[in-house]
Structures are given as C-alpha cells and as structure tokens.
Amino acid sequence: MKNPIVTLLTDFGTKDHYVASMKGVILRINPQCTLIDITHQIKPQDVEEGAFVLASAFSYFPKGTIHLAVVDPEVGGPRDPILIVTDHYFFVGPDNGLFSLVLHKEKVKEAFKLTENRFFLPKVSDTFHGRDLFAPVAGHLALGISPKAFGRRIDSWKTLEFQGPLIEKKSMVGKVVHIDSFGNLITNIEEKNLGHFVRGIPFHILIGKRRIEGIQRGYWEAERGDLLALIGSSGLLEISVNEGNAQKVLKVKRGDPIRIQLK
C-alpha cells in the first residue's frame, strides 16, 4: 500500500502514554505510515460518542485509509476484535457498535474476527488491546497484507440503535446526540428531514427552557451572546450561541429532547 494513512480515534486522552505507544507500534511495523489523530478526547467508555465522531470524519480521507478506533469498555472481555473492509476504507477496532454509524454510510465488502496472533504483539495485555492487538494489525494492514490473513470471516457485527426524530402531530421531536468543544448542541435532525417536515411553514424550536425562532444561515446572523439554530457542517441541526456556549446557557446534556413546532 503506497503512502498508507492510519487514523486514530480513542478515549485515551493525551496526558498518558497510551496514544504514543500505539503510534510507536504502528511505525515500528511500517515507518512509512502517515498517522492522523481524529481525536483522543472521546468521553471515557462512551461508544456512542465515538461512533458519532468517527462517522463525521472518516469519509474525508483518501480511499484505502485505515481507520483505527478504540473506545472499548469491555477490553479483555467477550467482545471480539474485528476488521471491516468497505468499498473505500478499512476499520479496525472492537466489535461493540463503534462502527455502527460508519456502516450506515459505507457498504461492507467483508469482515473478519481478528484471531491470527502472529500479527499481535508477543504479549497481549488484557487491558490495552489498542497497543497490543489493534495497532499491530493496523501496521501490518498498512504493509499491504490481505485482510483475510488476519482471521476468520464473519457475517455479522454489533450495531447500536441510533433513533431518528419522531413526528408528533405538528411537532418533530429529536434529541441532542453530540456536544462539541464549543458547546454547540448537535442533534439527530438532518437538514433534509427538517425541510420535508416544515415545507416552508414558519416554525420555532423548543430546547431546554428556551424558544428559538426558525434557523439562521450562520453565527453572524445572531447578536453576540444570542441563541440560534442552524444547519452545521455535518448536515445536522445545531443549537449554538454566537461567541458563546449553548450547553452552558441551556444546561442541556446529550440525549435531551429538541422539538420543532410548526406555527
């Protein structure tokens, strides 16, 4: 594989040695790899957040990129380590639903349970599969080794249920699915679904204890410190504060409801 790219997404943070150890393992196997951090700030053990962030980023990389993702509350337990091959990418990580949203967008060509320990480190810790199992698999995969060499073919994998918005009479009810580092509240309401629901009818948005009239094109259309709704870069409805933090203003958490109310 020419100029292989490996991305990393974890909940390890950057204070400790964990991420650096994984990168060292990959580069020791294939020094030609380009390593890209998607993020290491996923909330600890939060598989759903990891799934959302990975799905928001993976498709912007070149075809053939290896996406290594480790948010793994059951590390060392019964969940399987897997490799999924799609039409465009490779995904390496635990079989715990972390790839659920990705696989809504990508067609799976083949998938494997990682069983060939010759591609792992000689000693595999029960608490650090990211370094001892997933990183070396990614490194060997980047050398061009065939995916089928890494283990046994599987036909199913764990998926998480990500429910879309519900329609209740003259309302669409969604929820906050992610809060970014700016405090923007990202919802599960897609731009196309919102458009089909409102069909040009004026509407307002209810979230927390506040009401927002319609949506704006960008932050500049609101006064500094004001709440606004807009379609964000991922194509989802977001609630923001111009030069502020919507999460702190509204005191909303992930999973809280948002209601689109037709006038």
C-alpha atoms as a PDB file:
ATOM      1  CA  MET A   1       0.000   0.000   0.000  1.00  0.00           C
ATOM      2  CA  LYS A   2       1.617   3.248  -1.160  1.00  0.00           C
ATOM      3  CA  ASN A   3       1.861   6.049   1.436  1.00  0.00           C
ATOM      4  CA  PRO A   4      -0.604   4.375   3.829  1.00  0.00           C
ATOM      5  CA  ILE A   5      -2.704   6.569   6.113  1.00  0.00           C
ATOM      6  CA  VAL A   6      -3.824   5.342   9.519  1.00  0.00           C
ATOM      7  CA  THR A   7      -6.214   7.451  11.571  1.00  0.00           C
ATOM      8  CA  LEU A   8      -6.651   7.048  15.310  1.00  0.00           C
ATOM      9  CA  LEU A   9      -9.731   7.723  17.424  1.00  0.00           C
ATOM     10  CA  THR A  10      -9.758   6.820  21.122  1.00  0.00           C
ATOM     11  CA  ASP A  11     -10.980   7.849  24.554  1.00  0.00           C
ATOM     12  CA  PHE A  12      -7.417   7.720  25.924  1.00  0.00           C
ATOM     13  CA  GLY A  13      -6.773  11.457  26.188  1.00  0.00           C
ATOM     14  CA  THR A  14      -3.278  12.848  25.648  1.00  0.00           C
ATOM     15  CA  LYS A  15      -1.936  13.054  29.210  1.00  0.00           C
ATOM     16  CA  ASP A  16      -0.651   9.488  29.360  1.00  0.00           C
ATOM     17  CA  HIS A  17       1.497   7.257  27.178  1.00  0.00           C
ATOM     18  CA  TYR A  18      -1.328   5.270  25.599  1.00  0.00           C
ATOM     19  CA  VAL A  19      -1.656   7.040  22.246  1.00  0.00           C
ATOM     20  CA  ALA A  20       2.089   7.404  21.782  1.00  0.00           C
ATOM     21  CA  SER A  21       2.556   3.689  22.463  1.00  0.00           C
ATOM     22  CA  MET A  22       0.032   2.795  19.766  1.00  0.00           C
ATOM     23  CA  LYS A  23       1.737   5.088  17.268  1.00  0.00           C
ATOM     24  CA  GLY A  24       5.122   3.613  18.123  1.00  0.00           C
ATOM     25  CA  VAL A  25       3.863   0.081  17.465  1.00  0.00           C
ATOM     26  CA  ILE A  26       2.433   1.072  14.070  1.00  0.00           C
ATOM     27  CA  LEU A  27       5.571   2.932  12.988  1.00  0.00           C
ATOM     28  CA  ARG A  28       7.859   0.133  14.118  1.00  0.00           C
ATOM     29  CA  ILE A  29       5.967  -2.194  11.771  1.00  0.00           C
ATOM     30  CA  ASN A  30       5.605   0.312   8.932  1.00  0.00           C
ATOM     31  CA  PRO A  31       7.658   3.521   9.243  1.00  0.00           C
ATOM     32  CA  GLN A  32       6.095   4.816   6.017  1.00  0.00           C
ATOM     33  CA  CYS A  33       2.676   5.300   7.628  1.00  0.00           C
ATOM     34  CA  THR A  34       1.133   8.722   7.947  1.00  0.00           C
ATOM     35  CA  LEU A  35      -0.657   8.831  11.302  1.00  0.00           C
ATOM     36  CA  ILE A  36      -3.592  11.205  11.721  1.00  0.00           C
ATOM     37  CA  ASP A  37      -5.372  11.837  15.027  1.00  0.00           C
ATOM     38  CA  ILE A  38      -9.123  12.214  14.620  1.00  0.00           C
ATOM     39  CA  THR A  39      -9.470  12.693  18.375  1.00  0.00           C
ATOM     40  CA  HIS A  40      -8.444  11.158  21.673  1.00  0.00           C
ATOM     41  CA  GLN A  41     -10.950  13.178  23.687  1.00  0.00           C
ATOM     42  CA  ILE A  42     -13.977  10.888  23.427  1.00  0.00           C
ATOM     43  CA  LYS A  43     -15.648  10.707  26.824  1.00  0.00           C
ATOM     44  CA  PRO A  44     -14.264   7.602  28.581  1.00  0.00           C
ATOM     45  CA  GLN A  45     -16.131   4.424  27.598  1.00  0.00           C
ATOM     46  CA  ASP A  46     -18.649   6.415  25.523  1.00  0.00           C
ATOM     47  CA  VAL A  47     -19.057   4.196  22.473  1.00  0.00           C
ATOM     48  CA  GLU A  48     -21.942   6.246  21.066  1.00  0.00           C
ATOM     49  CA  GLU A  49     -19.913   9.453  21.068  1.00  0.00           C
ATOM     50  CA  GLY A  50     -17.029   7.626  19.421  1.00  0.00           C
ATOM     51  CA  ALA A  51     -19.365   6.298  16.740  1.00  0.00           C
ATOM     52  CA  PHE A  52     -20.705   9.773  16.013  1.00  0.00           C
ATOM     53  CA  VAL A  53     -17.312  11.465  15.764  1.00  0.00           C
ATOM     54  CA  LEU A  54     -15.849   8.699  13.611  1.00  0.00           C
ATOM     55  CA  ALA A  55     -18.820   8.857  11.247  1.00  0.00           C
ATOM     56  CA  SER A  56     -18.401  12.622  10.974  1.00  0.00           C
ATOM     57  CA  ALA A  57     -14.765  12.378   9.881  1.00  0.00           C
ATOM     58  CA  PHE A  58     -13.933   9.109   8.116  1.00  0.00           C
ATOM     59  CA  SER A  59     -15.209   9.915   4.628  1.00  0.00           C
ATOM     60  CA  TYR A  60     -12.930  12.938   4.173  1.00  0.00           C
ATOM     61  CA  PHE A  61      -9.852  10.717   3.947  1.00  0.00           C
ATOM     62  CA  PRO A  62      -8.419   9.159   0.764  1.00  0.00           C
ATOM     63  CA  LYS A  63      -9.588   5.765  -0.396  1.00  0.00           C
ATOM     64  CA  GLY A  64      -7.628   2.989   1.317  1.00  0.00           C
ATOM     65  CA  THR A  65      -7.266   4.809   4.639  1.00  0.00           C
ATOM     66  CA  ILE A  66      -7.143   2.542   7.691  1.00  0.00           C
ATOM     67  CA  HIS A  67      -9.355   3.869  10.483  1.00  0.00           C
ATOM     68  CA  LEU A  68      -8.238   2.538  13.872  1.00  0.00           C
ATOM     69  CA  ALA A  69     -10.813   3.270  16.576  1.00  0.00           C
ATOM     70  CA  VAL A  70     -10.648   2.163  20.204  1.00  0.00           C
ATOM     71  CA  VAL A  71     -13.392   3.034  22.665  1.00  0.00           C
ATOM     72  CA  ASP A  72     -13.547  -0.255  24.465  1.00  0.00           C
ATOM     73  CA  PRO A  73     -15.304  -0.615  27.833  1.00  0.00           C
ATOM     74  CA  GLU A  74     -15.190  -4.425  27.506  1.00  0.00           C
ATOM     75  CA  VAL A  75     -11.479  -4.664  26.706  1.00  0.00           C
ATOM     76  CA  GLY A  76     -10.269  -8.149  27.580  1.00  0.00           C
ATOM     77  CA  GLY A  77     -13.860  -9.384  27.804  1.00  0.00           C
ATOM     78  CA  PRO A  78     -16.195 -11.261  25.477  1.00  0.00           C
ATOM     79  CA  ARG A  79     -16.439  -8.701  22.670  1.00  0.00           C
ATOM     80  CA  ASP A  80     -14.478  -9.617  19.546  1.00  0.00           C
ATOM     81  CA  PRO A  81     -11.690  -7.644  17.856  1.00  0.00           C
ATOM     82  CA  ILE A  82     -12.656  -7.051  14.218  1.00  0.00           C
ATOM     83  CA  LEU A  83     -11.518  -5.746  10.864  1.00  0.00           C
ATOM     84  CA  ILE A  84     -14.181  -4.431   8.483  1.00  0.00           C
ATOM     85  CA  VAL A  85     -13.429  -3.771   4.828  1.00  0.00           C
ATOM     86  CA  THR A  86     -15.736  -1.445   2.882  1.00  0.00           C
ATOM     87  CA  ASP A  87     -15.654  -0.207  -0.696  1.00  0.00           C
ATOM     88  CA  HIS A  88     -13.346   2.638   0.342  1.00  0.00           C
ATOM     89  CA  TYR A  89     -11.794   2.026   3.769  1.00  0.00           C
ATOM     90  CA  PHE A  90     -10.595  -0.366   6.447  1.00  0.00           C
ATOM     91  CA  PHE A  91     -11.889  -0.200  10.036  1.00  0.00           C
ATOM     92  CA  VAL A  92     -10.044  -1.852  12.923  1.00  0.00           C
ATOM     93  CA  GLY A  93     -11.348  -1.955  16.488  1.00  0.00           C
ATOM     94  CA  PRO A  94     -13.638  -3.672  18.983  1.00  0.00           C
ATOM     95  CA  ASP A  95     -16.957  -5.194  17.933  1.00  0.00           C
ATOM     96  CA  ASN A  96     -19.099  -3.130  20.296  1.00  0.00           C
ATOM     97  CA  GLY A  97     -21.100  -0.913  17.948  1.00  0.00           C
ATOM     98  CA  LEU A  98     -18.351   1.663  17.450  1.00  0.00           C
ATOM     99  CA  PHE A  99     -18.672   1.340  13.660  1.00  0.00           C
ATOM    100  CA  SER A 100     -22.480   1.474  13.568  1.00  0.00           C
ATOM    101  CA  LEU A 101     -22.892   4.929  12.035  1.00  0.00           C
ATOM    102  CA  VAL A 102     -19.990   4.445   9.638  1.00  0.00           C
ATOM    103  CA  LEU A 103     -21.649   1.342   8.234  1.00  0.00           C
ATOM    104  CA  HIS A 104     -24.862   3.253   7.571  1.00  0.00           C
ATOM    105  CA  LYS A 105     -22.815   5.171   5.003  1.00  0.00           C
ATOM    106  CA  GLU A 106     -20.392   2.517   3.731  1.00  0.00           C
ATOM    107  CA  LYS A 107     -21.078  -0.803   2.035  1.00  0.00           C
ATOM    108  CA  VAL A 108     -19.308  -3.703   3.734  1.00  0.00           C
ATOM    109  CA  LYS A 109     -17.318  -5.951   1.387  1.00  0.00           C
ATOM    110  CA  GLU A 110     -16.032  -8.354   4.031  1.00  0.00           C
ATOM    111  CA  ALA A 111     -15.377  -8.536   7.756  1.00  0.00           C
ATOM    112  CA  PHE A 112     -13.075 -10.606   9.936  1.00  0.00           C
ATOM    113  CA  LYS A 113     -12.674 -11.548  13.573  1.00  0.00           C
ATOM    114  CA  LEU A 114      -9.016 -10.941  14.432  1.00  0.00           C
ATOM    115  CA  THR A 115      -7.659 -14.320  15.501  1.00  0.00           C
ATOM    116  CA  GLU A 116      -4.178 -14.602  13.963  1.00  0.00           C
ATOM    117  CA  ASN A 117      -1.962 -13.726  16.923  1.00  0.00           C
ATOM    118  CA  ARG A 118       1.171 -13.684  14.756  1.00  0.00           C
ATOM    119  CA  PHE A 119       0.019 -10.159  13.855  1.00  0.00           C
ATOM    120  CA  PHE A 120      -0.314  -9.117  17.520  1.00  0.00           C
ATOM    121  CA  LEU A 121       2.436  -8.156  19.940  1.00  0.00           C
ATOM    122  CA  PRO A 122       4.028 -11.199  21.616  1.00  0.00           C
ATOM    123  CA  LYS A 123       2.279 -10.449  24.887  1.00  0.00           C
ATOM    124  CA  VAL A 124      -1.276  -9.083  24.730  1.00  0.00           C
ATOM    125  CA  SER A 125      -2.399  -7.216  27.821  1.00  0.00           C
ATOM    126  CA  ASP A 126      -5.978  -7.762  28.940  1.00  0.00           C
ATOM    127  CA  THR A 127      -6.320  -4.000  29.447  1.00  0.00           C
ATOM    128  CA  PHE A 128      -4.581  -2.499  26.396  1.00  0.00           C
ATOM    129  CA  HIS A 129      -5.702  -4.116  23.164  1.00  0.00           C
ATOM    130  CA  GLY A 130      -5.223  -0.767  21.451  1.00  0.00           C
ATOM    131  CA  ARG A 131      -1.440  -1.141  21.701  1.00  0.00           C
ATOM    132  CA  ASP A 132      -1.032  -4.910  21.691  1.00  0.00           C
ATOM    133  CA  LEU A 133      -3.644  -6.042  19.183  1.00  0.00           C
ATOM    134  CA  PHE A 134      -5.310  -3.286  17.154  1.00  0.00           C
ATOM    135  CA  ALA A 135      -2.218  -1.144  16.494  1.00  0.00           C
ATOM    136  CA  PRO A 136      -0.078  -4.015  15.153  1.00  0.00           C
ATOM    137  CA  VAL A 137      -2.949  -5.205  12.962  1.00  0.00           C
ATOM    138  CA  ALA A 138      -3.252  -1.692  11.524  1.00  0.00           C
ATOM    139  CA  GLY A 139       0.503  -1.573  10.951  1.00  0.00           C
ATOM    140  CA  HIS A 140       0.576  -4.909   9.134  1.00  0.00           C
ATOM    141  CA  LEU A 141      -2.526  -3.995   7.143  1.00  0.00           C
ATOM    142  CA  ALA A 142      -0.710  -0.837   6.042  1.00  0.00           C
ATOM    143  CA  LEU A 143       2.070  -3.060   4.659  1.00  0.00           C
ATOM    144  CA  GLY A 144      -0.478  -4.438   2.214  1.00  0.00           C
ATOM    145  CA  ILE A 145      -1.185  -7.765   3.896  1.00  0.00           C
ATOM    146  CA  SER A 146      -4.523  -9.175   2.759  1.00  0.00           C
ATOM    147  CA  PRO A 147      -7.374  -8.652   5.251  1.00  0.00           C
ATOM    148  CA  LYS A 148      -8.234 -12.365   5.096  1.00  0.00           C
ATOM    149  CA  ALA A 149      -4.842 -13.176   6.648  1.00  0.00           C
ATOM    150  CA  PHE A 150      -5.859 -11.623   9.969  1.00  0.00           C
ATOM    151  CA  GLY A 151      -8.577 -14.033  10.982  1.00  0.00           C
ATOM    152  CA  ARG A 152     -11.892 -15.714  10.391  1.00  0.00           C
ATOM    153  CA  ARG A 153     -14.543 -14.224   8.138  1.00  0.00           C
ATOM    154  CA  ILE A 154     -17.718 -13.084   9.911  1.00  0.00           C
ATOM    155  CA  ASP A 155     -21.130 -12.172   8.558  1.00  0.00           C
ATOM    156  CA  SER A 156     -22.477 -10.042  11.404  1.00  0.00           C
ATOM    157  CA  TRP A 157     -21.250  -7.489  13.927  1.00  0.00           C
ATOM    158  CA  LYS A 158     -22.751  -5.498  16.756  1.00  0.00           C
ATOM    159  CA  THR A 159     -24.737  -2.386  15.899  1.00  0.00           C
ATOM    160  CA  LEU A 160     -26.097   0.351  18.120  1.00  0.00           C
ATOM    161  CA  GLU A 161     -29.566   1.754  17.573  1.00  0.00           C
ATOM    162  CA  PHE A 162     -29.474   5.452  16.676  1.00  0.00           C
ATOM    163  CA  GLN A 163     -33.093   6.561  16.547  1.00  0.00           C
ATOM    164  CA  GLY A 164     -34.097   9.344  14.223  1.00  0.00           C
ATOM    165  CA  PRO A 165     -36.556  12.148  15.090  1.00  0.00           C
ATOM    166  CA  LEU A 166     -40.226  11.347  15.699  1.00  0.00           C
ATOM    167  CA  ILE A 167     -43.271  13.140  14.304  1.00  0.00           C
ATOM    168  CA  GLU A 168     -45.998  14.070  16.798  1.00  0.00           C
ATOM    169  CA  LYS A 169     -48.886  15.938  15.143  1.00  0.00           C
ATOM    170  CA  LYS A 170     -47.426  19.370  14.330  1.00  0.00           C
ATOM    171  CA  SER A 171     -44.099  18.668  16.009  1.00  0.00           C
ATOM    172  CA  MET A 172     -40.869  16.909  15.149  1.00  0.00           C
ATOM    173  CA  VAL A 173     -39.081  15.657  18.257  1.00  0.00           C
ATOM    174  CA  GLY A 174     -35.378  14.902  18.076  1.00  0.00           C
ATOM    175  CA  LYS A 175     -32.564  14.835  20.596  1.00  0.00           C
ATOM    176  CA  VAL A 176     -29.066  16.139  21.230  1.00  0.00           C
ATOM    177  CA  VAL A 177     -26.579  13.500  20.052  1.00  0.00           C
ATOM    178  CA  HIS A 178     -23.297  15.362  20.500  1.00  0.00           C
ATOM    179  CA  ILE A 179     -21.896  18.419  22.254  1.00  0.00           C
ATOM    180  CA  ASP A 180     -18.725  19.734  20.653  1.00  0.00           C
ATOM    181  CA  SER A 181     -15.838  21.575  22.294  1.00  0.00           C
ATOM    182  CA  PHE A 182     -17.514  24.936  21.586  1.00  0.00           C
ATOM    183  CA  GLY A 183     -20.655  23.878  23.428  1.00  0.00           C
ATOM    184  CA  ASN A 184     -22.689  23.580  20.225  1.00  0.00           C
ATOM    185  CA  LEU A 185     -25.585  21.145  20.580  1.00  0.00           C
ATOM    186  CA  ILE A 186     -25.708  18.824  17.585  1.00  0.00           C
ATOM    187  CA  THR A 187     -28.984  16.980  17.083  1.00  0.00           C
ATOM    188  CA  ASN A 188     -30.197  13.933  15.169  1.00  0.00           C
ATOM    189  CA  ILE A 189     -32.356  16.084  12.858  1.00  0.00           C
ATOM    190  CA  GLU A 190     -30.958  16.087   9.336  1.00  0.00           C
ATOM    191  CA  GLU A 191     -31.395  19.084   7.055  1.00  0.00           C
ATOM    192  CA  LYS A 192     -33.438  17.095   4.528  1.00  0.00           C
ATOM    193  CA  ASN A 193     -35.765  15.716   7.224  1.00  0.00           C
ATOM    194  CA  LEU A 194     -36.309  19.175   8.636  1.00  0.00           C
ATOM    195  CA  GLY A 195     -37.091  20.551   5.181  1.00  0.00           C
ATOM    196  CA  HIS A 196     -39.584  17.786   4.419  1.00  0.00           C
ATOM    197  CA  PHE A 197     -41.326  18.375   7.741  1.00  0.00           C
ATOM    198  CA  VAL A 198     -41.693  22.159   7.717  1.00  0.00           C
ATOM    199  CA  ARG A 199     -42.241  22.537   3.920  1.00  0.00           C
ATOM    200  CA  GLY A 200     -41.918  26.297   4.118  1.00  0.00           C
ATOM    201  CA  ILE A 201     -44.226  26.709   7.118  1.00  0.00           C
ATOM    202  CA  PRO A 202     -42.850  29.036   9.859  1.00  0.00           C
ATOM    203  CA  PHE A 203     -41.683  27.184  12.949  1.00  0.00           C
ATOM    204  CA  HIS A 204     -39.935  27.618  16.249  1.00  0.00           C
ATOM    205  CA  ILE A 205     -37.619  25.365  18.187  1.00  0.00           C
ATOM    206  CA  LEU A 206     -38.021  24.401  21.826  1.00  0.00           C
ATOM    207  CA  ILE A 207     -34.969  23.191  23.743  1.00  0.00           C
ATOM    208  CA  GLY A 208     -34.278  23.360  27.449  1.00  0.00           C
ATOM    209  CA  LYS A 209     -36.474  26.170  28.665  1.00  0.00           C
ATOM    210  CA  ARG A 210     -35.888  28.371  25.645  1.00  0.00           C
ATOM    211  CA  ARG A 211     -37.559  29.030  22.317  1.00  0.00           C
ATOM    212  CA  ILE A 212     -35.748  29.870  19.085  1.00  0.00           C
ATOM    213  CA  GLU A 213     -37.473  31.274  16.019  1.00  0.00           C
ATOM    214  CA  GLY A 214     -36.547  29.425  12.817  1.00  0.00           C
ATOM    215  CA  ILE A 215     -32.974  28.821  11.700  1.00  0.00           C
ATOM    216  CA  GLN A 216     -30.124  31.041  10.586  1.00  0.00           C
ATOM    217  CA  ARG A 217     -27.534  30.557   7.869  1.00  0.00           C
ATOM    218  CA  GLY A 218     -24.598  31.204  10.182  1.00  0.00           C
ATOM    219  CA  TYR A 219     -23.432  32.621  13.504  1.00  0.00           C
ATOM    220  CA  TRP A 220     -23.156  36.156  12.128  1.00  0.00           C
ATOM    221  CA  GLU A 221     -26.939  36.403  11.819  1.00  0.00           C
ATOM    222  CA  ALA A 222     -27.330  36.452  15.615  1.00  0.00           C
ATOM    223  CA  GLU A 223     -26.228  39.089  18.077  1.00  0.00           C
ATOM    224  CA  ARG A 224     -23.269  38.270  20.260  1.00  0.00           C
ATOM    225  CA  GLY A 225     -24.440  36.041  23.117  1.00  0.00           C
ATOM    226  CA  ASP A 226     -27.756  35.155  21.457  1.00  0.00           C
ATOM    227  CA  LEU A 227     -29.033  31.637  20.875  1.00  0.00           C
ATOM    228  CA  LEU A 228     -29.524  30.492  17.314  1.00  0.00           C
ATOM    229  CA  ALA A 229     -30.298  27.363  15.328  1.00  0.00           C
ATOM    230  CA  LEU A 230     -28.514  26.484  12.105  1.00  0.00           C
ATOM    231  CA  ILE A 231     -27.543  23.561   9.904  1.00  0.00           C
ATOM    232  CA  GLY A 232     -23.989  22.659  10.839  1.00  0.00           C
ATOM    233  CA  SER A 233     -21.146  21.302   8.738  1.00  0.00           C
ATOM    234  CA  SER A 234     -22.323  17.707   9.238  1.00  0.00           C
ATOM    235  CA  GLY A 235     -25.753  18.490   7.779  1.00  0.00           C
ATOM    236  CA  LEU A 236     -27.476  18.274  11.158  1.00  0.00           C
ATOM    237  CA  LEU A 237     -29.495  20.850  13.065  1.00  0.00           C
ATOM    238  CA  GLU A 238     -27.357  22.545  15.723  1.00  0.00           C
ATOM    239  CA  ILE A 239     -28.135  24.943  18.551  1.00  0.00           C
ATOM    240  CA  SER A 240     -25.420  27.487  19.219  1.00  0.00           C
ATOM    241  CA  VAL A 241     -24.659  30.763  20.917  1.00  0.00           C
ATOM    242  CA  ASN A 242     -22.858  33.389  18.870  1.00  0.00           C
ATOM    243  CA  GLU A 243     -19.444  33.717  20.546  1.00  0.00           C
ATOM    244  CA  GLY A 244     -20.742  31.670  23.459  1.00  0.00           C
ATOM    245  CA  ASN A 245     -21.506  28.179  24.741  1.00  0.00           C
ATOM    246  CA  ALA A 246     -25.023  26.821  24.155  1.00  0.00           C
ATOM    247  CA  GLN A 247     -24.551  23.896  26.520  1.00  0.00           C
ATOM    248  CA  LYS A 248     -23.742  26.199  29.418  1.00  0.00           C
ATOM    249  CA  VAL A 249     -26.565  28.611  28.570  1.00  0.00           C
ATOM    250  CA  LEU A 250     -29.232  25.917  28.209  1.00  0.00           C
ATOM    251  CA  LYS A 251     -27.793  23.399  30.700  1.00  0.00           C
ATOM    252  CA  VAL A 252     -28.678  20.645  28.240  1.00  0.00           C
ATOM    253  CA  LYS A 253     -26.978  17.254  28.092  1.00  0.00           C
ATOM    254  CA  ARG A 254     -26.672  14.631  25.402  1.00  0.00           C
ATOM    255  CA  GLY A 255     -29.951  12.771  24.932  1.00  0.00           C
ATOM    256  CA  ASP A 256     -32.136  15.731  25.912  1.00  0.00           C
ATOM    257  CA  PRO A 257     -35.054  16.467  23.557  1.00  0.00           C
ATOM    258  CA  ILE A 258     -35.433  19.200  20.981  1.00  0.00           C
ATOM    259  CA  ARG A 259     -38.820  19.992  19.460  1.00  0.00           C
ATOM    260  CA  ILE A 260     -39.607  21.598  16.090  1.00  0.00           C
ATOM    261  CA  GLN A 261     -43.056  23.181  16.422  1.00  0.00           C
ATOM    262  CA  LEU A 262     -44.996  24.372  13.384  1.00  0.00           C
ATOM    263  CA  LYS A 263     -46.818  27.639  13.863  1.00  0.00           C
END
